[in-house]
Amino acid sequence: MLVCCLPRRGIAVAVAVAILVLSAAGVSAASIWERAGPFQACLEQRFERWVQARAELVVNEDPQAGEIDDAAVGQWMTETIGACRARAAGGDEESEARFAKHVARWRSHIYDVVQSIKQRAGPD
């Protein structure tokens, strides 16, 4: 596997390049609103950063990657909604429900980003 054979710096560079390429290509982990206000934008930004961070752990084969479960994600989601409500001075239940449904597929989102990073890094 290529990732295991790269020096730590090489892995970090590969991850950083993949993130930039995915961002430039418009790949978004949380594009779930037709029109996003401040509350929705906050949720999207935080989810994107969270997914990217988790994907980096997986690609780097960090043991912390396996330390997440549905309960931890639920806790993170609750905290994120609260923080975004405070930041945006409000929120709405429909957006929260849509966000919760989207976050419920967290494994798929992380897997998709990991696969994109690995494709960008090249063949094994």
PDB file of N, CA and C in Angstrom:
ATOM      1  N   MET A   1       0.841  -1.175   0.000  1.00  0.00           N
ATOM      2  CA  MET A   1       0.000   0.000   0.000  1.00  0.00           C
ATOM      3  C   MET A   1       0.884   1.235   0.000  1.00  0.00           C
ATOM      4  N   LEU A   2       0.622   2.201  -0.869  1.00  0.00           N
ATOM      5  CA  LEU A   2       1.446   3.384  -1.029  1.00  0.00           C
ATOM      6  C   LEU A   2       1.510   4.203   0.248  1.00  0.00           C
ATOM      7  N   VAL A   3       0.418   4.381   0.932  1.00  0.00           N
ATOM      8  CA  VAL A   3       0.379   5.219   2.126  1.00  0.00           C
ATOM      9  C   VAL A   3       1.362   4.719   3.172  1.00  0.00           C
ATOM     10  N   CYS A   4       1.454   3.411   3.354  1.00  0.00           N
ATOM     11  CA  CYS A   4       2.355   2.874   4.371  1.00  0.00           C
ATOM     12  C   CYS A   4       3.809   3.077   4.003  1.00  0.00           C
ATOM     13  N   CYS A   5       4.108   3.261   2.735  1.00  0.00           N
ATOM     14  CA  CYS A   5       5.483   3.373   2.282  1.00  0.00           C
ATOM     15  C   CYS A   5       5.956   4.823   2.186  1.00  0.00           C
ATOM     16  N   LEU A   6       5.067   5.776   2.276  1.00  0.00           N
ATOM     17  CA  LEU A   6       5.434   7.179   2.216  1.00  0.00           C
ATOM     18  C   LEU A   6       5.940   7.646   3.572  1.00  0.00           C
ATOM     19  N   PRO A   7       6.929   8.533   3.570  1.00  0.00           N
ATOM     20  CA  PRO A   7       7.311   9.123   4.852  1.00  0.00           C
ATOM     21  C   PRO A   7       6.161   9.972   5.370  1.00  0.00           C
ATOM     22  N   ARG A   8       6.152  10.235   6.649  1.00  0.00           N
ATOM     23  CA  ARG A   8       5.057  10.981   7.286  1.00  0.00           C
ATOM     24  C   ARG A   8       4.782  12.295   6.553  1.00  0.00           C
ATOM     25  N   ARG A   9       5.851  12.993   6.162  1.00  0.00           N
ATOM     26  CA  ARG A   9       5.682  14.266   5.447  1.00  0.00           C
ATOM     27  C   ARG A   9       5.010  14.039   4.099  1.00  0.00           C
ATOM     28  N   GLY A  10       5.355  12.961   3.419  1.00  0.00           N
ATOM     29  CA  GLY A  10       4.755  12.650   2.120  1.00  0.00           C
ATOM     30  C   GLY A  10       3.272  12.399   2.238  1.00  0.00           C
ATOM     31  N   ILE A  11       2.864  11.726   3.299  1.00  0.00           N
ATOM     32  CA  ILE A  11       1.443  11.470   3.531  1.00  0.00           C
ATOM     33  C   ILE A  11       0.726  12.782   3.765  1.00  0.00           C
ATOM     34  N   ALA A  12       1.314  13.634   4.593  1.00  0.00           N
ATOM     35  CA  ALA A  12       0.686  14.924   4.886  1.00  0.00           C
ATOM     36  C   ALA A  12       0.537  15.756   3.618  1.00  0.00           C
ATOM     37  N   VAL A  13       1.558  15.740   2.773  1.00  0.00           N
ATOM     38  CA  VAL A  13       1.494  16.494   1.520  1.00  0.00           C
ATOM     39  C   VAL A  13       0.413  15.908   0.611  1.00  0.00           C
ATOM     40  N   ALA A  14       0.343  14.593   0.518  1.00  0.00           N
ATOM     41  CA  ALA A  14      -0.673  13.948  -0.321  1.00  0.00           C
ATOM     42  C   ALA A  14      -2.078  14.291   0.160  1.00  0.00           C
ATOM     43  N   VAL A  15      -2.279  14.267   1.466  1.00  0.00           N
ATOM     44  CA  VAL A  15      -3.588  14.605   2.025  1.00  0.00           C
ATOM     45  C   VAL A  15      -3.918  16.059   1.739  1.00  0.00           C
ATOM     46  N   ALA A  16      -2.961  16.951   1.953  1.00  0.00           N
ATOM     47  CA  ALA A  16      -3.201  18.377   1.720  1.00  0.00           C
ATOM     48  C   ALA A  16      -3.537  18.645   0.255  1.00  0.00           C
ATOM     49  N   VAL A  17      -2.805  18.023  -0.653  1.00  0.00           N
ATOM     50  CA  VAL A  17      -3.071  18.196  -2.082  1.00  0.00           C
ATOM     51  C   VAL A  17      -4.457  17.666  -2.430  1.00  0.00           C
ATOM     52  N   ALA A  18      -4.800  16.511  -1.915  1.00  0.00           N
ATOM     53  CA  ALA A  18      -6.115  15.941  -2.200  1.00  0.00           C
ATOM     54  C   ALA A  18      -7.228  16.843  -1.701  1.00  0.00           C
ATOM     55  N   ILE A  19      -7.054  17.400  -0.523  1.00  0.00           N
ATOM     56  CA  ILE A  19      -8.075  18.300   0.023  1.00  0.00           C
ATOM     57  C   ILE A  19      -8.226  19.524  -0.870  1.00  0.00           C
ATOM     58  N   LEU A  20      -7.108  20.091  -1.302  1.00  0.00           N
ATOM     59  CA  LEU A  20      -7.178  21.261  -2.174  1.00  0.00           C
ATOM     60  C   LEU A  20      -7.829  20.922  -3.511  1.00  0.00           C
ATOM     61  N   VAL A  21      -7.473  19.788  -4.077  1.00  0.00           N
ATOM     62  CA  VAL A  21      -8.057  19.375  -5.353  1.00  0.00           C
ATOM     63  C   VAL A  21      -9.551  19.140  -5.211  1.00  0.00           C
ATOM     64  N   LEU A  22      -9.949  18.453  -4.144  1.00  0.00           N
ATOM     65  CA  LEU A  22     -11.366  18.198  -3.928  1.00  0.00           C
ATOM     66  C   LEU A  22     -12.130  19.491  -3.713  1.00  0.00           C
ATOM     67  N   SER A  23     -11.547  20.415  -2.978  1.00  0.00           N
ATOM     68  CA  SER A  23     -12.203  21.693  -2.742  1.00  0.00           C
ATOM     69  C   SER A  23     -12.329  22.474  -4.036  1.00  0.00           C
ATOM     70  N   ALA A  24     -11.266  22.492  -4.812  1.00  0.00           N
ATOM     71  CA  ALA A  24     -11.286  23.227  -6.076  1.00  0.00           C
ATOM     72  C   ALA A  24     -12.268  22.608  -7.061  1.00  0.00           C
ATOM     73  N   ALA A  25     -12.438  21.302  -6.980  1.00  0.00           N
ATOM     74  CA  ALA A  25     -13.357  20.620  -7.888  1.00  0.00           C
ATOM     75  C   ALA A  25     -14.802  20.744  -7.445  1.00  0.00           C
ATOM     76  N   GLY A  26     -15.015  21.390  -6.309  1.00  0.00           N
ATOM     77  CA  GLY A  26     -16.380  21.580  -5.838  1.00  0.00           C
ATOM     78  C   GLY A  26     -16.929  20.387  -5.083  1.00  0.00           C
ATOM     79  N   VAL A  27     -16.083  19.449  -4.691  1.00  0.00           N
ATOM     80  CA  VAL A  27     -16.537  18.311  -3.913  1.00  0.00           C
ATOM     81  C   VAL A  27     -16.799  18.793  -2.501  1.00  0.00           C
ATOM     82  N   SER A  28     -18.011  18.616  -2.049  1.00  0.00           N
ATOM     83  CA  SER A  28     -18.385  19.097  -0.733  1.00  0.00           C
ATOM     84  C   SER A  28     -19.069  17.979   0.017  1.00  0.00           C
ATOM     85  N   ALA A  29     -18.643  17.762   1.238  1.00  0.00           N
ATOM     86  CA  ALA A  29     -19.217  16.686   2.035  1.00  0.00           C
ATOM     87  C   ALA A  29     -20.616  17.029   2.518  1.00  0.00           C
ATOM     88  N   ALA A  30     -20.971  18.304   2.493  1.00  0.00           N
ATOM     89  CA  ALA A  30     -22.226  18.675   3.123  1.00  0.00           C
ATOM     90  C   ALA A  30     -23.075  19.623   2.280  1.00  0.00           C
ATOM     91  N   SER A  31     -23.020  19.540   0.959  1.00  0.00           N
ATOM     92  CA  SER A  31     -23.844  20.396   0.109  1.00  0.00           C
ATOM     93  C   SER A  31     -25.279  19.885   0.116  1.00  0.00           C
ATOM     94  N   ILE A  32     -26.009  20.252   1.140  1.00  0.00           N
ATOM     95  CA  ILE A  32     -27.355  19.697   1.286  1.00  0.00           C
ATOM     96  C   ILE A  32     -28.452  20.747   1.241  1.00  0.00           C
ATOM     97  N   TRP A  33     -28.088  22.018   1.080  1.00  0.00           N
ATOM     98  CA  TRP A  33     -29.095  23.075   0.995  1.00  0.00           C
ATOM     99  C   TRP A  33     -29.026  23.754  -0.357  1.00  0.00           C
ATOM    100  N   GLU A  34     -30.184  24.084  -0.894  1.00  0.00           N
ATOM    101  CA  GLU A  34     -30.231  24.824  -2.144  1.00  0.00           C
ATOM    102  C   GLU A  34     -29.701  26.237  -1.906  1.00  0.00           C
ATOM    103  N   ARG A  35     -30.132  26.835  -0.803  1.00  0.00           N
ATOM    104  CA  ARG A  35     -29.659  28.161  -0.394  1.00  0.00           C
ATOM    105  C   ARG A  35     -29.292  28.076   1.084  1.00  0.00           C
ATOM    106  N   ALA A  36     -28.076  28.426   1.360  1.00  0.00           N
ATOM    107  CA  ALA A  36     -27.606  28.314   2.739  1.00  0.00           C
ATOM    108  C   ALA A  36     -27.487  29.692   3.374  1.00  0.00           C
ATOM    109  N   GLY A  37     -28.147  29.838   4.518  1.00  0.00           N
ATOM    110  CA  GLY A  37     -27.969  31.029   5.330  1.00  0.00           C
ATOM    111  C   GLY A  37     -26.798  30.818   6.268  1.00  0.00           C
ATOM    112  N   PRO A  38     -26.585  31.736   7.197  1.00  0.00           N
ATOM    113  CA  PRO A  38     -25.448  31.611   8.122  1.00  0.00           C
ATOM    114  C   PRO A  38     -25.468  30.328   8.948  1.00  0.00           C
ATOM    115  N   PHE A  39     -26.642  29.892   9.394  1.00  0.00           N
ATOM    116  CA  PHE A  39     -26.751  28.668  10.192  1.00  0.00           C
ATOM    117  C   PHE A  39     -26.351  27.451   9.364  1.00  0.00           C
ATOM    118  N   GLN A  40     -26.908  27.336   8.175  1.00  0.00           N
ATOM    119  CA  GLN A  40     -26.604  26.197   7.309  1.00  0.00           C
ATOM    120  C   GLN A  40     -25.140  26.215   6.862  1.00  0.00           C
ATOM    121  N   ALA A  41     -24.620  27.400   6.549  1.00  0.00           N
ATOM    122  CA  ALA A  41     -23.215  27.509   6.131  1.00  0.00           C
ATOM    123  C   ALA A  41     -22.288  27.061   7.256  1.00  0.00           C
ATOM    124  N   CYS A  42     -22.623  27.435   8.476  1.00  0.00           N
ATOM    125  CA  CYS A  42     -21.836  27.006   9.633  1.00  0.00           C
ATOM    126  C   CYS A  42     -21.844  25.484   9.749  1.00  0.00           C
ATOM    127  N   LEU A  43     -23.022  24.872   9.620  1.00  0.00           N
ATOM    128  CA  LEU A  43     -23.123  23.414   9.702  1.00  0.00           C
ATOM    129  C   LEU A  43     -22.290  22.752   8.611  1.00  0.00           C
ATOM    130  N   GLU A  44     -22.389  23.265   7.387  1.00  0.00           N
ATOM    131  CA  GLU A  44     -21.631  22.696   6.265  1.00  0.00           C
ATOM    132  C   GLU A  44     -20.135  22.786   6.502  1.00  0.00           C
ATOM    133  N   GLN A  45     -19.675  23.966   6.906  1.00  0.00           N
ATOM    134  CA  GLN A  45     -18.240  24.156   7.111  1.00  0.00           C
ATOM    135  C   GLN A  45     -17.703  23.234   8.196  1.00  0.00           C
ATOM    136  N   ARG A  46     -18.421  23.134   9.285  1.00  0.00           N
ATOM    137  CA  ARG A  46     -17.960  22.277  10.385  1.00  0.00           C
ATOM    138  C   ARG A  46     -17.979  20.804   9.985  1.00  0.00           C
ATOM    139  N   PHE A  47     -19.006  20.380   9.245  1.00  0.00           N
ATOM    140  CA  PHE A  47     -19.076  18.990   8.820  1.00  0.00           C
ATOM    141  C   PHE A  47     -17.952  18.673   7.838  1.00  0.00           C
ATOM    142  N   GLU A  48     -17.697  19.570   6.898  1.00  0.00           N
ATOM    143  CA  GLU A  48     -16.619  19.351   5.943  1.00  0.00           C
ATOM    144  C   GLU A  48     -15.283  19.195   6.648  1.00  0.00           C
ATOM    145  N   ARG A  49     -15.005  20.084   7.588  1.00  0.00           N
ATOM    146  CA  ARG A  49     -13.736  20.001   8.328  1.00  0.00           C
ATOM    147  C   ARG A  49     -13.659  18.698   9.128  1.00  0.00           C
ATOM    148  N   TRP A  50     -14.765  18.307   9.735  1.00  0.00           N
ATOM    149  CA  TRP A  50     -14.794  17.086  10.536  1.00  0.00           C
ATOM    150  C   TRP A  50     -14.535  15.860   9.656  1.00  0.00           C
ATOM    151  N   VAL A  51     -15.203  15.795   8.509  1.00  0.00           N
ATOM    152  CA  VAL A  51     -15.014  14.659   7.595  1.00  0.00           C
ATOM    153  C   VAL A  51     -13.573  14.626   7.095  1.00  0.00           C
ATOM    154  N   GLN A  52     -13.029  15.777   6.727  1.00  0.00           N
ATOM    155  CA  GLN A  52     -11.644  15.818   6.242  1.00  0.00           C
ATOM    156  C   GLN A  52     -10.679  15.333   7.320  1.00  0.00           C
ATOM    157  N   ALA A  53     -10.890  15.784   8.544  1.00  0.00           N
ATOM    158  CA  ALA A  53     -10.013  15.369   9.650  1.00  0.00           C
ATOM    159  C   ALA A  53     -10.108  13.864   9.881  1.00  0.00           C
ATOM    160  N   ARG A  54     -11.311  13.331   9.849  1.00  0.00           N
ATOM    161  CA  ARG A  54     -11.485  11.880  10.046  1.00  0.00           C
ATOM    162  C   ARG A  54     -10.866  11.097   8.896  1.00  0.00           C
ATOM    163  N   ALA A  55     -11.014  11.591   7.673  1.00  0.00           N
ATOM    164  CA  ALA A  55     -10.435  10.911   6.508  1.00  0.00           C
ATOM    165  C   ALA A  55      -8.910  10.897   6.603  1.00  0.00           C
ATOM    166  N   GLU A  56      -8.333  11.997   7.068  1.00  0.00           N
ATOM    167  CA  GLU A  56      -6.882  12.039   7.237  1.00  0.00           C
ATOM    168  C   GLU A  56      -6.411  10.984   8.234  1.00  0.00           C
ATOM    169  N   LEU A  57      -7.160  10.805   9.317  1.00  0.00           N
ATOM    170  CA  LEU A  57      -6.801   9.772  10.294  1.00  0.00           C
ATOM    171  C   LEU A  57      -6.795   8.390   9.643  1.00  0.00           C
ATOM    172  N   VAL A  58      -7.796   8.124   8.811  1.00  0.00           N
ATOM    173  CA  VAL A  58      -7.899   6.820   8.140  1.00  0.00           C
ATOM    174  C   VAL A  58      -6.737   6.635   7.172  1.00  0.00           C
ATOM    175  N   VAL A  59      -6.488   7.635   6.337  1.00  0.00           N
ATOM    176  CA  VAL A  59      -5.417   7.531   5.347  1.00  0.00           C
ATOM    177  C   VAL A  59      -4.071   7.346   6.020  1.00  0.00           C
ATOM    178  N   ASN A  60      -3.871   8.038   7.131  1.00  0.00           N
ATOM    179  CA  ASN A  60      -2.601   7.935   7.855  1.00  0.00           C
ATOM    180  C   ASN A  60      -2.541   6.726   8.783  1.00  0.00           C
ATOM    181  N   GLU A  61      -3.586   5.907   8.735  1.00  0.00           N
ATOM    182  CA  GLU A  61      -3.672   4.700   9.554  1.00  0.00           C
ATOM    183  C   GLU A  61      -3.461   5.001  11.033  1.00  0.00           C
ATOM    184  N   ASP A  62      -4.009   6.106  11.477  1.00  0.00           N
ATOM    185  CA  ASP A  62      -3.929   6.525  12.877  1.00  0.00           C
ATOM    186  C   ASP A  62      -4.918   5.698  13.697  1.00  0.00           C
ATOM    187  N   PRO A  63      -4.511   5.170  14.830  1.00  0.00           N
ATOM    188  CA  PRO A  63      -5.420   4.374  15.665  1.00  0.00           C
ATOM    189  C   PRO A  63      -6.677   5.135  16.100  1.00  0.00           C
ATOM    190  N   GLN A  64      -6.596   6.459  16.178  1.00  0.00           N
ATOM    191  CA  GLN A  64      -7.766   7.250  16.550  1.00  0.00           C
ATOM    192  C   GLN A  64      -8.894   7.135  15.528  1.00  0.00           C
ATOM    193  N   ALA A  65      -8.581   6.720  14.320  1.00  0.00           N
ATOM    194  CA  ALA A  65      -9.605   6.585  13.283  1.00  0.00           C
ATOM    195  C   ALA A  65     -10.668   5.569  13.697  1.00  0.00           C
ATOM    196  N   GLY A  66     -10.284   4.570  14.468  1.00  0.00           N
ATOM    197  CA  GLY A  66     -11.217   3.536  14.897  1.00  0.00           C
ATOM    198  C   GLY A  66     -11.941   3.855  16.188  1.00  0.00           C
ATOM    199  N   GLU A  67     -11.653   5.017  16.754  1.00  0.00           N
ATOM    200  CA  GLU A  67     -12.238   5.379  18.040  1.00  0.00           C
ATOM    201  C   GLU A  67     -13.527   6.178  17.902  1.00  0.00           C
ATOM    202  N   ILE A  68     -14.213   6.048  16.793  1.00  0.00           N
ATOM    203  CA  ILE A  68     -15.447   6.800  16.594  1.00  0.00           C
ATOM    204  C   ILE A  68     -16.588   5.825  16.366  1.00  0.00           C
ATOM    205  N   ASP A  69     -17.745   6.188  16.899  1.00  0.00           N
ATOM    206  CA  ASP A  69     -18.938   5.375  16.716  1.00  0.00           C
ATOM    207  C   ASP A  69     -20.135   6.310  16.595  1.00  0.00           C
ATOM    208  N   ASP A  70     -21.306   5.715  16.416  1.00  0.00           N
ATOM    209  CA  ASP A  70     -22.510   6.523  16.224  1.00  0.00           C
ATOM    210  C   ASP A  70     -22.784   7.456  17.408  1.00  0.00           C
ATOM    211  N   ALA A  71     -22.514   6.994  18.611  1.00  0.00           N
ATOM    212  CA  ALA A  71     -22.755   7.830  19.795  1.00  0.00           C
ATOM    213  C   ALA A  71     -21.840   9.048  19.788  1.00  0.00           C
ATOM    214  N   ALA A  72     -20.576   8.852  19.448  1.00  0.00           N
ATOM    215  CA  ALA A  72     -19.630   9.972  19.393  1.00  0.00           C
ATOM    216  C   ALA A  72     -20.026  10.963  18.305  1.00  0.00           C
ATOM    217  N   VAL A  73     -20.467  10.444  17.179  1.00  0.00           N
ATOM    218  CA  VAL A  73     -20.900  11.317  16.090  1.00  0.00           C
ATOM    219  C   VAL A  73     -22.156  12.088  16.509  1.00  0.00           C
ATOM    220  N   GLY A  74     -23.068  11.425  17.184  1.00  0.00           N
ATOM    221  CA  GLY A  74     -24.273  12.100  17.676  1.00  0.00           C
ATOM    222  C   GLY A  74     -23.938  13.221  18.647  1.00  0.00           C
ATOM    223  N   GLN A  75     -22.976  12.968  19.526  1.00  0.00           N
ATOM    224  CA  GLN A  75     -22.528  13.996  20.469  1.00  0.00           C
ATOM    225  C   GLN A  75     -21.915  15.169  19.720  1.00  0.00           C
ATOM    226  N   TRP A  76     -21.052  14.863  18.741  1.00  0.00           N
ATOM    227  CA  TRP A  76     -20.429  15.911  17.940  1.00  0.00           C
ATOM    228  C   TRP A  76     -21.494  16.728  17.210  1.00  0.00           C
ATOM    229  N   MET A  77     -22.483  16.044  16.646  1.00  0.00           N
ATOM    230  CA  MET A  77     -23.535  16.729  15.899  1.00  0.00           C
ATOM    231  C   MET A  77     -24.330  17.672  16.806  1.00  0.00           C
ATOM    232  N   THR A  78     -24.672  17.209  17.995  1.00  0.00           N
ATOM    233  CA  THR A  78     -25.420  18.033  18.945  1.00  0.00           C
ATOM    234  C   THR A  78     -24.618  19.281  19.316  1.00  0.00           C
ATOM    235  N   GLU A  79     -23.342  19.100  19.585  1.00  0.00           N
ATOM    236  CA  GLU A  79     -22.478  20.232  19.918  1.00  0.00           C
ATOM    237  C   GLU A  79     -22.343  21.191  18.739  1.00  0.00           C
ATOM    238  N   THR A  80     -22.241  20.647  17.550  1.00  0.00           N
ATOM    239  CA  THR A  80     -22.100  21.467  16.349  1.00  0.00           C
ATOM    240  C   THR A  80     -23.358  22.294  16.097  1.00  0.00           C
ATOM    241  N   ILE A  81     -24.511  21.670  16.229  1.00  0.00           N
ATOM    242  CA  ILE A  81     -25.760  22.409  16.037  1.00  0.00           C
ATOM    243  C   ILE A  81     -25.858  23.541  17.061  1.00  0.00           C
ATOM    244  N   GLY A  82     -25.523  23.256  18.301  1.00  0.00           N
ATOM    245  CA  GLY A  82     -25.551  24.289  19.338  1.00  0.00           C
ATOM    246  C   GLY A  82     -24.597  25.432  19.036  1.00  0.00           C
ATOM    247  N   ALA A  83     -23.391  25.104  18.614  1.00  0.00           N
ATOM    248  CA  ALA A  83     -22.398  26.135  18.291  1.00  0.00           C
ATOM    249  C   ALA A  83     -22.845  26.973  17.091  1.00  0.00           C
ATOM    250  N   CYS A  84     -23.420  26.325  16.107  1.00  0.00           N
ATOM    251  CA  CYS A  84     -23.878  27.064  14.920  1.00  0.00           C
ATOM    252  C   CYS A  84     -25.107  27.910  15.231  1.00  0.00           C
ATOM    253  N   ARG A  85     -25.985  27.424  16.090  1.00  0.00           N
ATOM    254  CA  ARG A  85     -27.126  28.247  16.527  1.00  0.00           C
ATOM    255  C   ARG A  85     -26.628  29.517  17.200  1.00  0.00           C
ATOM    256  N   ALA A  86     -25.622  29.385  18.057  1.00  0.00           N
ATOM    257  CA  ALA A  86     -25.072  30.538  18.768  1.00  0.00           C
ATOM    258  C   ALA A  86     -24.373  31.489  17.791  1.00  0.00           C
ATOM    259  N   ARG A  87     -23.606  30.932  16.893  1.00  0.00           N
ATOM    260  CA  ARG A  87     -22.858  31.747  15.931  1.00  0.00           C
ATOM    261  C   ARG A  87     -23.782  32.491  14.982  1.00  0.00           C
ATOM    262  N   ALA A  88     -24.837  31.826  14.537  1.00  0.00           N
ATOM    263  CA  ALA A  88     -25.761  32.426  13.564  1.00  0.00           C
ATOM    264  C   ALA A  88     -26.932  33.132  14.238  1.00  0.00           C
ATOM    265  N   ALA A  89     -26.938  33.145  15.553  1.00  0.00           N
ATOM    266  CA  ALA A  89     -28.034  33.758  16.321  1.00  0.00           C
ATOM    267  C   ALA A  89     -29.371  33.108  15.969  1.00  0.00           C
ATOM    268  N   GLY A  90     -29.364  31.790  15.909  1.00  0.00           N
ATOM    269  CA  GLY A  90     -30.601  31.056  15.644  1.00  0.00           C
ATOM    270  C   GLY A  90     -30.380  29.938  14.656  1.00  0.00           C
ATOM    271  N   GLY A  91     -31.417  29.182  14.433  1.00  0.00           N
ATOM    272  CA  GLY A  91     -31.394  28.069  13.496  1.00  0.00           C
ATOM    273  C   GLY A  91     -32.818  27.656  13.241  1.00  0.00           C
ATOM    274  N   ASP A  92     -33.014  26.527  12.612  1.00  0.00           N
ATOM    275  CA  ASP A  92     -34.374  26.048  12.391  1.00  0.00           C
ATOM    276  C   ASP A  92     -34.402  24.530  12.400  1.00  0.00           C
ATOM    277  N   GLU A  93     -35.522  24.002  12.806  1.00  0.00           N
ATOM    278  CA  GLU A  93     -35.656  22.553  12.966  1.00  0.00           C
ATOM    279  C   GLU A  93     -35.516  21.797  11.653  1.00  0.00           C
ATOM    280  N   GLU A  94     -36.023  22.370  10.569  1.00  0.00           N
ATOM    281  CA  GLU A  94     -35.926  21.693   9.271  1.00  0.00           C
ATOM    282  C   GLU A  94     -34.462  21.507   8.864  1.00  0.00           C
ATOM    283  N   SER A  95     -33.662  22.539   9.048  1.00  0.00           N
ATOM    284  CA  SER A  95     -32.237  22.439   8.719  1.00  0.00           C
ATOM    285  C   SER A  95     -31.526  21.450   9.632  1.00  0.00           C
ATOM    286  N   GLU A  96     -31.887  21.459  10.898  1.00  0.00           N
ATOM    287  CA  GLU A  96     -31.289  20.512  11.840  1.00  0.00           C
ATOM    288  C   GLU A  96     -31.622  19.079  11.450  1.00  0.00           C
ATOM    289  N   ALA A  97     -32.860  18.852  11.067  1.00  0.00           N
ATOM    290  CA  ALA A  97     -33.278  17.501  10.663  1.00  0.00           C
ATOM    291  C   ALA A  97     -32.549  17.068   9.394  1.00  0.00           C
ATOM    292  N   ARG A  98     -32.417  17.975   8.450  1.00  0.00           N
ATOM    293  CA  ARG A  98     -31.720  17.661   7.205  1.00  0.00           C
ATOM    294  C   ARG A  98     -30.242  17.371   7.490  1.00  0.00           C
ATOM    295  N   PHE A  99     -29.654  18.176   8.371  1.00  0.00           N
ATOM    296  CA  PHE A  99     -28.259  17.984   8.753  1.00  0.00           C
ATOM    297  C   PHE A  99     -28.082  16.635   9.451  1.00  0.00           C
ATOM    298  N   ALA A 100     -28.987  16.310  10.366  1.00  0.00           N
ATOM    299  CA  ALA A 100     -28.906  15.039  11.094  1.00  0.00           C
ATOM    300  C   ALA A 100     -28.982  13.852  10.129  1.00  0.00           C
ATOM    301  N   LYS A 101     -29.852  13.947   9.158  1.00  0.00           N
ATOM    302  CA  LYS A 101     -29.990  12.871   8.172  1.00  0.00           C
ATOM    303  C   LYS A 101     -28.699  12.727   7.357  1.00  0.00           C
ATOM    304  N   HIS A 102     -28.114  13.850   7.021  1.00  0.00           N
ATOM    305  CA  HIS A 102     -26.872  13.846   6.248  1.00  0.00           C
ATOM    306  C   HIS A 102     -25.715  13.271   7.074  1.00  0.00           C
ATOM    307  N   VAL A 103     -25.614  13.707   8.314  1.00  0.00           N
ATOM    308  CA  VAL A 103     -24.543  13.239   9.201  1.00  0.00           C
ATOM    309  C   VAL A 103     -24.692  11.755   9.504  1.00  0.00           C
ATOM    310  N   ALA A 104     -25.906  11.247   9.494  1.00  0.00           N
ATOM    311  CA  ALA A 104     -26.135   9.823   9.774  1.00  0.00           C
ATOM    312  C   ALA A 104     -25.369   8.927   8.793  1.00  0.00           C
ATOM    313  N   ARG A 105     -25.001   9.448   7.661  1.00  0.00           N
ATOM    314  CA  ARG A 105     -24.233   8.694   6.664  1.00  0.00           C
ATOM    315  C   ARG A 105     -22.733   9.002   6.785  1.00  0.00           C
ATOM    316  N   TRP A 106     -22.284   9.307   7.996  1.00  0.00           N
ATOM    317  CA  TRP A 106     -20.907   9.741   8.214  1.00  0.00           C
ATOM    318  C   TRP A 106     -19.872   8.761   7.690  1.00  0.00           C
ATOM    319  N   ARG A 107     -20.126   7.486   7.822  1.00  0.00           N
ATOM    320  CA  ARG A 107     -19.156   6.498   7.332  1.00  0.00           C
ATOM    321  C   ARG A 107     -18.959   6.620   5.823  1.00  0.00           C
ATOM    322  N   SER A 108     -20.049   6.788   5.102  1.00  0.00           N
ATOM    323  CA  SER A 108     -19.968   6.921   3.645  1.00  0.00           C
ATOM    324  C   SER A 108     -19.214   8.183   3.245  1.00  0.00           C
ATOM    325  N   HIS A 109     -19.477   9.270   3.950  1.00  0.00           N
ATOM    326  CA  HIS A 109     -18.787  10.528   3.634  1.00  0.00           C
ATOM    327  C   HIS A 109     -17.286  10.385   3.848  1.00  0.00           C
ATOM    328  N   ILE A 110     -16.896   9.802   4.959  1.00  0.00           N
ATOM    329  CA  ILE A 110     -15.480   9.607   5.246  1.00  0.00           C
ATOM    330  C   ILE A 110     -14.863   8.666   4.219  1.00  0.00           C
ATOM    331  N   TYR A 111     -15.538   7.565   3.926  1.00  0.00           N
ATOM    332  CA  TYR A 111     -15.042   6.595   2.951  1.00  0.00           C
ATOM    333  C   TYR A 111     -14.824   7.261   1.588  1.00  0.00           C
ATOM    334  N   ASP A 112     -15.778   8.084   1.160  1.00  0.00           N
ATOM    335  CA  ASP A 112     -15.659   8.756  -0.139  1.00  0.00           C
ATOM    336  C   ASP A 112     -14.432   9.665  -0.182  1.00  0.00           C
ATOM    337  N   VAL A 113     -14.190  10.403   0.880  1.00  0.00           N
ATOM    338  CA  VAL A 113     -13.030  11.295   0.916  1.00  0.00           C
ATOM    339  C   VAL A 113     -11.744  10.474   0.952  1.00  0.00           C
ATOM    340  N   VAL A 114     -11.720   9.405   1.731  1.00  0.00           N
ATOM    341  CA  VAL A 114     -10.539   8.535   1.784  1.00  0.00           C
ATOM    342  C   VAL A 114     -10.236   7.980   0.395  1.00  0.00           C
ATOM    343  N   GLN A 115     -11.260   7.509  -0.297  1.00  0.00           N
ATOM    344  CA  GLN A 115     -11.057   6.963  -1.636  1.00  0.00           C
ATOM    345  C   GLN A 115     -10.512   8.021  -2.587  1.00  0.00           C
ATOM    346  N   SER A 116     -11.019   9.238  -2.497  1.00  0.00           N
ATOM    347  CA  SER A 116     -10.528  10.321  -3.345  1.00  0.00           C
ATOM    348  C   SER A 116      -9.075  10.640  -3.051  1.00  0.00           C
ATOM    349  N   ILE A 117      -8.715  10.654  -1.791  1.00  0.00           N
ATOM    350  CA  ILE A 117      -7.330  10.920  -1.398  1.00  0.00           C
ATOM    351  C   ILE A 117      -6.418   9.825  -1.939  1.00  0.00           C
ATOM    352  N   LYS A 118      -6.840   8.589  -1.789  1.00  0.00           N
ATOM    353  CA  LYS A 118      -6.012   7.467  -2.262  1.00  0.00           C
ATOM    354  C   LYS A 118      -5.865   7.482  -3.775  1.00  0.00           C
ATOM    355  N   GLN A 119      -6.923   7.841  -4.495  1.00  0.00           N
ATOM    356  CA  GLN A 119      -6.829   7.928  -5.954  1.00  0.00           C
ATOM    357  C   GLN A 119      -5.841   9.015  -6.377  1.00  0.00           C
ATOM    358  N   ARG A 120      -5.879  10.126  -5.655  1.00  0.00           N
ATOM    359  CA  ARG A 120      -4.979  11.241  -5.975  1.00  0.00           C
ATOM    360  C   ARG A 120      -3.530  10.881  -5.638  1.00  0.00           C
ATOM    361  N   ALA A 121      -3.338  10.066  -4.604  1.00  0.00           N
ATOM    362  CA  ALA A 121      -1.992   9.683  -4.187  1.00  0.00           C
ATOM    363  C   ALA A 121      -1.359   8.715  -5.169  1.00  0.00           C
ATOM    364  N   GLY A 122      -2.156   8.045  -5.972  1.00  0.00           N
ATOM    365  CA  GLY A 122      -1.625   7.128  -6.973  1.00  0.00           C
ATOM    366  C   GLY A 122      -1.845   5.684  -6.610  1.00  0.00           C
ATOM    367  N   PRO A 123      -1.486   4.785  -7.534  1.00  0.00           N
ATOM    368  CA  PRO A 123      -1.687   3.350  -7.301  1.00  0.00           C
ATOM    369  C   PRO A 123      -0.731   2.818  -6.238  1.00  0.00           C
ATOM    370  N   ASP A 124      -1.127   1.681  -5.665  1.00  0.00           N
ATOM    371  CA  ASP A 124      -0.291   1.014  -4.645  1.00  0.00           C
ATOM    372  C   ASP A 124       1.009   0.535  -5.222  1.00  0.00           C
TER     373      ASP A 124
END
